[in-house]
Amino acid sequence: MKTELKEPILKKRNSLSKSEIIGKSSKIKSNLFSSEIFKKSRTIMFFVSFNSEVHTHEMIKDSIGKKTVAIP
């Protein structure tokens, strides 16, 4: 069942253009950084993005020095 749900989502994500990914990543960053939970947190965990995933590199860079950043 997990694969059946995951496949169409990955197909849709992989069909996004680079500019769409960048735009959506920017909106996600804005929402994250303006959230009360993020503002109050001392530690934040990110994944390091690749390919068509939400771009997290800028979020990580902007958090270093302000938060304890953990990356698995």
PDB file of N, CA and C in Angstrom:
ATOM      1  N   MET A   1       0.820  -1.201   0.000  1.00  0.00           N
ATOM      2  CA  MET A   1       0.000   0.000   0.000  1.00  0.00           C
ATOM      3  C   MET A   1       0.866   1.269   0.000  1.00  0.00           C
ATOM      4  N   LYS A   2       1.952   1.249   0.778  1.00  0.00           N
ATOM      5  CA  LYS A   2       2.834   2.412   0.834  1.00  0.00           C
ATOM      6  C   LYS A   2       3.376   2.748  -0.552  1.00  0.00           C
ATOM      7  N   THR A   3       3.800   1.736  -1.293  1.00  0.00           N
ATOM      8  CA  THR A   3       4.329   1.938  -2.637  1.00  0.00           C
ATOM      9  C   THR A   3       3.265   2.494  -3.566  1.00  0.00           C
ATOM     10  N   GLU A   4       2.052   2.009  -3.435  1.00  0.00           N
ATOM     11  CA  GLU A   4       0.955   2.494  -4.277  1.00  0.00           C
ATOM     12  C   GLU A   4       0.671   3.968  -4.028  1.00  0.00           C
ATOM     13  N   LEU A   5       0.837   4.417  -2.802  1.00  0.00           N
ATOM     14  CA  LEU A   5       0.629   5.824  -2.471  1.00  0.00           C
ATOM     15  C   LEU A   5       1.827   6.675  -2.871  1.00  0.00           C
ATOM     16  N   LYS A   6       3.002   6.122  -2.686  1.00  0.00           N
ATOM     17  CA  LYS A   6       4.238   6.866  -2.922  1.00  0.00           C
ATOM     18  C   LYS A   6       4.508   7.112  -4.403  1.00  0.00           C
ATOM     19  N   GLU A   7       4.232   6.145  -5.236  1.00  0.00           N
ATOM     20  CA  GLU A   7       4.565   6.219  -6.660  1.00  0.00           C
ATOM     21  C   GLU A   7       3.967   7.435  -7.375  1.00  0.00           C
ATOM     22  N   PRO A   8       2.653   7.691  -7.264  1.00  0.00           N
ATOM     23  CA  PRO A   8       2.101   8.862  -7.970  1.00  0.00           C
ATOM     24  C   PRO A   8       2.601  10.196  -7.400  1.00  0.00           C
ATOM     25  N   ILE A   9       2.888  10.212  -6.112  1.00  0.00           N
ATOM     26  CA  ILE A   9       3.414  11.440  -5.506  1.00  0.00           C
ATOM     27  C   ILE A   9       4.810  11.723  -6.037  1.00  0.00           C
ATOM     28  N   LEU A  10       5.663  10.704  -6.090  1.00  0.00           N
ATOM     29  CA  LEU A  10       7.012  10.886  -6.633  1.00  0.00           C
ATOM     30  C   LEU A  10       6.977  11.264  -8.103  1.00  0.00           C
ATOM     31  N   LYS A  11       6.073  10.670  -8.851  1.00  0.00           N
ATOM     32  CA  LYS A  11       5.945  10.997 -10.273  1.00  0.00           C
ATOM     33  C   LYS A  11       5.587  12.469 -10.454  1.00  0.00           C
ATOM     34  N   LYS A  12       4.655  12.950  -9.645  1.00  0.00           N
ATOM     35  CA  LYS A  12       4.249  14.358  -9.723  1.00  0.00           C
ATOM     36  C   LYS A  12       5.404  15.271  -9.312  1.00  0.00           C
ATOM     37  N   ARG A  13       6.090  14.920  -8.204  1.00  0.00           N
ATOM     38  CA  ARG A  13       7.209  15.736  -7.738  1.00  0.00           C
ATOM     39  C   ARG A  13       8.319  15.760  -8.777  1.00  0.00           C
ATOM     40  N   ASN A  14       8.622  14.635  -9.372  1.00  0.00           N
ATOM     41  CA  ASN A  14       9.694  14.558 -10.368  1.00  0.00           C
ATOM     42  C   ASN A  14       9.358  15.274 -11.669  1.00  0.00           C
ATOM     43  N   SER A  15       8.085  15.572 -11.883  1.00  0.00           N
ATOM     44  CA  SER A  15       7.689  16.275 -13.107  1.00  0.00           C
ATOM     45  C   SER A  15       7.781  17.799 -12.966  1.00  0.00           C
ATOM     46  N   LEU A  16       8.065  18.276 -11.757  1.00  0.00           N
ATOM     47  CA  LEU A  16       8.174  19.721 -11.545  1.00  0.00           C
ATOM     48  C   LEU A  16       9.440  20.265 -12.195  1.00  0.00           C
ATOM     49  N   SER A  17       9.331  21.478 -12.726  1.00  0.00           N
ATOM     50  CA  SER A  17      10.513  22.132 -13.291  1.00  0.00           C
ATOM     51  C   SER A  17      11.396  22.646 -12.155  1.00  0.00           C
ATOM     52  N   LYS A  18      12.638  22.954 -12.478  1.00  0.00           N
ATOM     53  CA  LYS A  18      13.566  23.480 -11.471  1.00  0.00           C
ATOM     54  C   LYS A  18      13.020  24.767 -10.854  1.00  0.00           C
ATOM     55  N   SER A  19      12.436  25.639 -11.671  1.00  0.00           N
ATOM     56  CA  SER A  19      11.896  26.898 -11.141  1.00  0.00           C
ATOM     57  C   SER A  19      10.695  26.647 -10.226  1.00  0.00           C
ATOM     58  N   GLU A  20       9.885  25.645 -10.541  1.00  0.00           N
ATOM     59  CA  GLU A  20       8.757  25.299  -9.663  1.00  0.00           C
ATOM     60  C   GLU A  20       9.267  24.771  -8.314  1.00  0.00           C
ATOM     61  N   ILE A  21      10.294  23.940  -8.359  1.00  0.00           N
ATOM     62  CA  ILE A  21      10.865  23.401  -7.123  1.00  0.00           C
ATOM     63  C   ILE A  21      11.438  24.528  -6.276  1.00  0.00           C
ATOM     64  N   ILE A  22      12.150  25.439  -6.900  1.00  0.00           N
ATOM     65  CA  ILE A  22      12.735  26.577  -6.187  1.00  0.00           C
ATOM     66  C   ILE A  22      11.630  27.444  -5.577  1.00  0.00           C
ATOM     67  N   GLY A  23      10.586  27.717  -6.344  1.00  0.00           N
ATOM     68  CA  GLY A  23       9.473  28.529  -5.838  1.00  0.00           C
ATOM     69  C   GLY A  23       8.765  27.871  -4.673  1.00  0.00           C
ATOM     70  N   LYS A  24       8.480  26.591  -4.791  1.00  0.00           N
ATOM     71  CA  LYS A  24       7.807  25.866  -3.717  1.00  0.00           C
ATOM     72  C   LYS A  24       8.709  25.758  -2.488  1.00  0.00           C
ATOM     73  N   SER A  25      10.000  25.554  -2.703  1.00  0.00           N
ATOM     74  CA  SER A  25      10.951  25.483  -1.597  1.00  0.00           C
ATOM     75  C   SER A  25      11.010  26.809  -0.851  1.00  0.00           C
ATOM     76  N   SER A  26      10.963  27.901  -1.583  1.00  0.00           N
ATOM     77  CA  SER A  26      10.974  29.228  -0.975  1.00  0.00           C
ATOM     78  C   SER A  26       9.733  29.445  -0.101  1.00  0.00           C
ATOM     79  N   LYS A  27       8.583  29.013  -0.581  1.00  0.00           N
ATOM     80  CA  LYS A  27       7.343  29.135   0.203  1.00  0.00           C
ATOM     81  C   LYS A  27       7.418  28.287   1.466  1.00  0.00           C
ATOM     82  N   ILE A  28       7.965  27.079   1.339  1.00  0.00           N
ATOM     83  CA  ILE A  28       8.106  26.201   2.500  1.00  0.00           C
ATOM     84  C   ILE A  28       9.043  26.838   3.522  1.00  0.00           C
ATOM     85  N   LYS A  29      10.150  27.400   3.043  1.00  0.00           N
ATOM     86  CA  LYS A  29      11.096  28.068   3.953  1.00  0.00           C
ATOM     87  C   LYS A  29      10.426  29.229   4.665  1.00  0.00           C
ATOM     88  N   SER A  30       9.692  30.026   3.942  1.00  0.00           N
ATOM     89  CA  SER A  30       9.005  31.170   4.528  1.00  0.00           C
ATOM     90  C   SER A  30       8.004  30.723   5.594  1.00  0.00           C
ATOM     91  N   ASN A  31       7.222  29.703   5.279  1.00  0.00           N
ATOM     92  CA  ASN A  31       6.249  29.180   6.244  1.00  0.00           C
ATOM     93  C   ASN A  31       6.950  28.615   7.475  1.00  0.00           C
ATOM     94  N   LEU A  32       8.022  27.871   7.262  1.00  0.00           N
ATOM     95  CA  LEU A  32       8.762  27.280   8.380  1.00  0.00           C
ATOM     96  C   LEU A  32       9.349  28.358   9.271  1.00  0.00           C
ATOM     97  N   PHE A  33      10.078  29.301   8.684  1.00  0.00           N
ATOM     98  CA  PHE A  33      10.778  30.316   9.471  1.00  0.00           C
ATOM     99  C   PHE A  33       9.825  31.289  10.162  1.00  0.00           C
ATOM    100  N   SER A  34       8.619  31.421   9.674  1.00  0.00           N
ATOM    101  CA  SER A  34       7.654  32.319  10.326  1.00  0.00           C
ATOM    102  C   SER A  34       6.771  31.593  11.343  1.00  0.00           C
ATOM    103  N   SER A  35       6.884  30.272  11.425  1.00  0.00           N
ATOM    104  CA  SER A  35       6.043  29.519  12.363  1.00  0.00           C
ATOM    105  C   SER A  35       6.527  29.726  13.801  1.00  0.00           C
ATOM    106  N   GLU A  36       5.589  29.751  14.727  1.00  0.00           N
ATOM    107  CA  GLU A  36       5.917  29.938  16.143  1.00  0.00           C
ATOM    108  C   GLU A  36       6.752  28.779  16.674  1.00  0.00           C
ATOM    109  N   ILE A  37       6.455  27.576  16.222  1.00  0.00           N
ATOM    110  CA  ILE A  37       7.214  26.414  16.684  1.00  0.00           C
ATOM    111  C   ILE A  37       8.687  26.567  16.300  1.00  0.00           C
ATOM    112  N   PHE A  38       8.953  26.993  15.070  1.00  0.00           N
ATOM    113  CA  PHE A  38      10.338  27.188  14.630  1.00  0.00           C
ATOM    114  C   PHE A  38      10.995  28.309  15.423  1.00  0.00           C
ATOM    115  N   LYS A  39      10.289  29.406  15.593  1.00  0.00           N
ATOM    116  CA  LYS A  39      10.846  30.553  16.318  1.00  0.00           C
ATOM    117  C   LYS A  39      11.217  30.189  17.747  1.00  0.00           C
ATOM    118  N   LYS A  40      10.418  29.348  18.390  1.00  0.00           N
ATOM    119  CA  LYS A  40      10.650  28.978  19.786  1.00  0.00           C
ATOM    120  C   LYS A  40      11.661  27.844  19.948  1.00  0.00           C
ATOM    121  N   SER A  41      11.924  27.128  18.887  1.00  0.00           N
ATOM    122  CA  SER A  41      12.812  25.967  18.984  1.00  0.00           C
ATOM    123  C   SER A  41      14.265  26.395  19.113  1.00  0.00           C
ATOM    124  N   ARG A  42      15.019  25.554  19.796  1.00  0.00           N
ATOM    125  CA  ARG A  42      16.463  25.778  19.904  1.00  0.00           C
ATOM    126  C   ARG A  42      17.215  24.838  18.980  1.00  0.00           C
ATOM    127  N   THR A  43      16.600  23.699  18.673  1.00  0.00           N
ATOM    128  CA  THR A  43      17.207  22.697  17.804  1.00  0.00           C
ATOM    129  C   THR A  43      16.259  22.381  16.664  1.00  0.00           C
ATOM    130  N   ILE A  44      16.805  22.258  15.475  1.00  0.00           N
ATOM    131  CA  ILE A  44      15.993  21.932  14.296  1.00  0.00           C
ATOM    132  C   ILE A  44      16.724  20.833  13.517  1.00  0.00           C
ATOM    133  N   MET A  45      15.948  19.887  13.022  1.00  0.00           N
ATOM    134  CA  MET A  45      16.532  18.804  12.235  1.00  0.00           C
ATOM    135  C   MET A  45      16.080  18.952  10.787  1.00  0.00           C
ATOM    136  N   PHE A  46      17.018  18.883   9.889  1.00  0.00           N
ATOM    137  CA  PHE A  46      16.750  18.933   8.454  1.00  0.00           C
ATOM    138  C   PHE A  46      17.266  17.660   7.808  1.00  0.00           C
ATOM    139  N   PHE A  47      16.756  17.361   6.619  1.00  0.00           N
ATOM    140  CA  PHE A  47      17.388  16.366   5.757  1.00  0.00           C
ATOM    141  C   PHE A  47      18.121  17.149   4.681  1.00  0.00           C
ATOM    142  N   VAL A  48      19.162  16.574   4.138  1.00  0.00           N
ATOM    143  CA  VAL A  48      19.885  17.224   3.047  1.00  0.00           C
ATOM    144  C   VAL A  48      19.214  16.790   1.744  1.00  0.00           C
ATOM    145  N   SER A  49      18.710  17.757   1.034  1.00  0.00           N
ATOM    146  CA  SER A  49      17.915  17.472  -0.167  1.00  0.00           C
ATOM    147  C   SER A  49      18.776  17.131  -1.369  1.00  0.00           C
ATOM    148  N   PHE A  50      18.152  16.411  -2.302  1.00  0.00           N
ATOM    149  CA  PHE A  50      18.776  16.143  -3.594  1.00  0.00           C
ATOM    150  C   PHE A  50      17.672  15.925  -4.622  1.00  0.00           C
ATOM    151  N   ASN A  51      18.045  16.054  -5.876  1.00  0.00           N
ATOM    152  CA  ASN A  51      17.132  15.886  -7.013  1.00  0.00           C
ATOM    153  C   ASN A  51      15.909  16.788  -6.881  1.00  0.00           C
ATOM    154  N   SER A  52      14.717  16.226  -6.941  1.00  0.00           N
ATOM    155  CA  SER A  52      13.488  17.030  -6.986  1.00  0.00           C
ATOM    156  C   SER A  52      12.887  17.304  -5.611  1.00  0.00           C
ATOM    157  N   GLU A  53      13.636  16.995  -4.546  1.00  0.00           N
ATOM    158  CA  GLU A  53      13.125  17.248  -3.194  1.00  0.00           C
ATOM    159  C   GLU A  53      13.117  18.739  -2.886  1.00  0.00           C
ATOM    160  N   VAL A  54      12.385  19.111  -1.855  1.00  0.00           N
ATOM    161  CA  VAL A  54      12.397  20.490  -1.360  1.00  0.00           C
ATOM    162  C   VAL A  54      13.845  20.865  -1.086  1.00  0.00           C
ATOM    163  N   HIS A  55      14.285  21.993  -1.605  1.00  0.00           N
ATOM    164  CA  HIS A  55      15.664  22.420  -1.407  1.00  0.00           C
ATOM    165  C   HIS A  55      15.858  22.886   0.034  1.00  0.00           C
ATOM    166  N   THR A  56      16.681  22.178   0.784  1.00  0.00           N
ATOM    167  CA  THR A  56      16.887  22.499   2.197  1.00  0.00           C
ATOM    168  C   THR A  56      18.227  23.175   2.480  1.00  0.00           C
ATOM    169  N   HIS A  57      19.110  23.232   1.497  1.00  0.00           N
ATOM    170  CA  HIS A  57      20.459  23.753   1.750  1.00  0.00           C
ATOM    171  C   HIS A  57      20.433  25.188   2.290  1.00  0.00           C
ATOM    172  N   GLU A  58      19.630  26.051   1.699  1.00  0.00           N
ATOM    173  CA  GLU A  58      19.541  27.444   2.156  1.00  0.00           C
ATOM    174  C   GLU A  58      18.933  27.516   3.553  1.00  0.00           C
ATOM    175  N   MET A  59      17.929  26.675   3.824  1.00  0.00           N
ATOM    176  CA  MET A  59      17.313  26.649   5.156  1.00  0.00           C
ATOM    177  C   MET A  59      18.336  26.254   6.208  1.00  0.00           C
ATOM    178  N   ILE A  60      19.160  25.275   5.869  1.00  0.00           N
ATOM    179  CA  ILE A  60      20.199  24.818   6.790  1.00  0.00           C
ATOM    180  C   ILE A  60      21.193  25.945   7.046  1.00  0.00           C
ATOM    181  N   LYS A  61      21.685  26.571   5.975  1.00  0.00           N
ATOM    182  CA  LYS A  61      22.665  27.661   6.110  1.00  0.00           C
ATOM    183  C   LYS A  61      22.106  28.806   6.946  1.00  0.00           C
ATOM    184  N   ASP A  62      20.834  29.165   6.712  1.00  0.00           N
ATOM    185  CA  ASP A  62      20.226  30.283   7.428  1.00  0.00           C
ATOM    186  C   ASP A  62      19.915  29.958   8.885  1.00  0.00           C
ATOM    187  N   SER A  63      19.884  28.688   9.236  1.00  0.00           N
ATOM    188  CA  SER A  63      19.602  28.280  10.615  1.00  0.00           C
ATOM    189  C   SER A  63      20.865  28.157  11.462  1.00  0.00           C
ATOM    190  N   ILE A  64      21.981  27.869  10.810  1.00  0.00           N
ATOM    191  CA  ILE A  64      23.244  27.698  11.538  1.00  0.00           C
ATOM    192  C   ILE A  64      23.612  29.028  12.216  1.00  0.00           C
ATOM    193  N   GLY A  65      23.933  28.941  13.487  1.00  0.00           N
ATOM    194  CA  GLY A  65      24.268  30.124  14.275  1.00  0.00           C
ATOM    195  C   GLY A  65      23.079  30.667  15.033  1.00  0.00           C
ATOM    196  N   LYS A  66      21.879  30.299  14.593  1.00  0.00           N
ATOM    197  CA  LYS A  66      20.656  30.744  15.269  1.00  0.00           C
ATOM    198  C   LYS A  66      20.015  29.604  16.033  1.00  0.00           C
ATOM    199  N   LYS A  67      20.222  28.396  15.539  1.00  0.00           N
ATOM    200  CA  LYS A  67      19.648  27.175  16.107  1.00  0.00           C
ATOM    201  C   LYS A  67      20.750  26.120  16.133  1.00  0.00           C
ATOM    202  N   THR A  68      20.532  25.104  16.953  1.00  0.00           N
ATOM    203  CA  THR A  68      21.352  23.911  16.842  1.00  0.00           C
ATOM    204  C   THR A  68      20.766  23.128  15.686  1.00  0.00           C
ATOM    205  N   VAL A  69      21.553  22.851  14.674  1.00  0.00           N
ATOM    206  CA  VAL A  69      21.066  22.167  13.475  1.00  0.00           C
ATOM    207  C   VAL A  69      21.542  20.724  13.495  1.00  0.00           C
ATOM    208  N   ALA A  70      20.589  19.808  13.362  1.00  0.00           N
ATOM    209  CA  ALA A  70      20.901  18.384  13.302  1.00  0.00           C
ATOM    210  C   ALA A  70      20.527  17.853  11.919  1.00  0.00           C
ATOM    211  N   ILE A  71      21.426  17.056  11.375  1.00  0.00           N
ATOM    212  CA  ILE A  71      21.186  16.464  10.055  1.00  0.00           C
ATOM    213  C   ILE A  71      21.496  14.975  10.164  1.00  0.00           C
ATOM    214  N   PRO A  72      20.504  14.120   9.847  1.00  0.00           N
ATOM    215  CA  PRO A  72      20.749  12.679   9.967  1.00  0.00           C
ATOM    216  C   PRO A  72      21.715  12.171   8.904  1.00  0.00           C
TER     217      PRO A  72
END
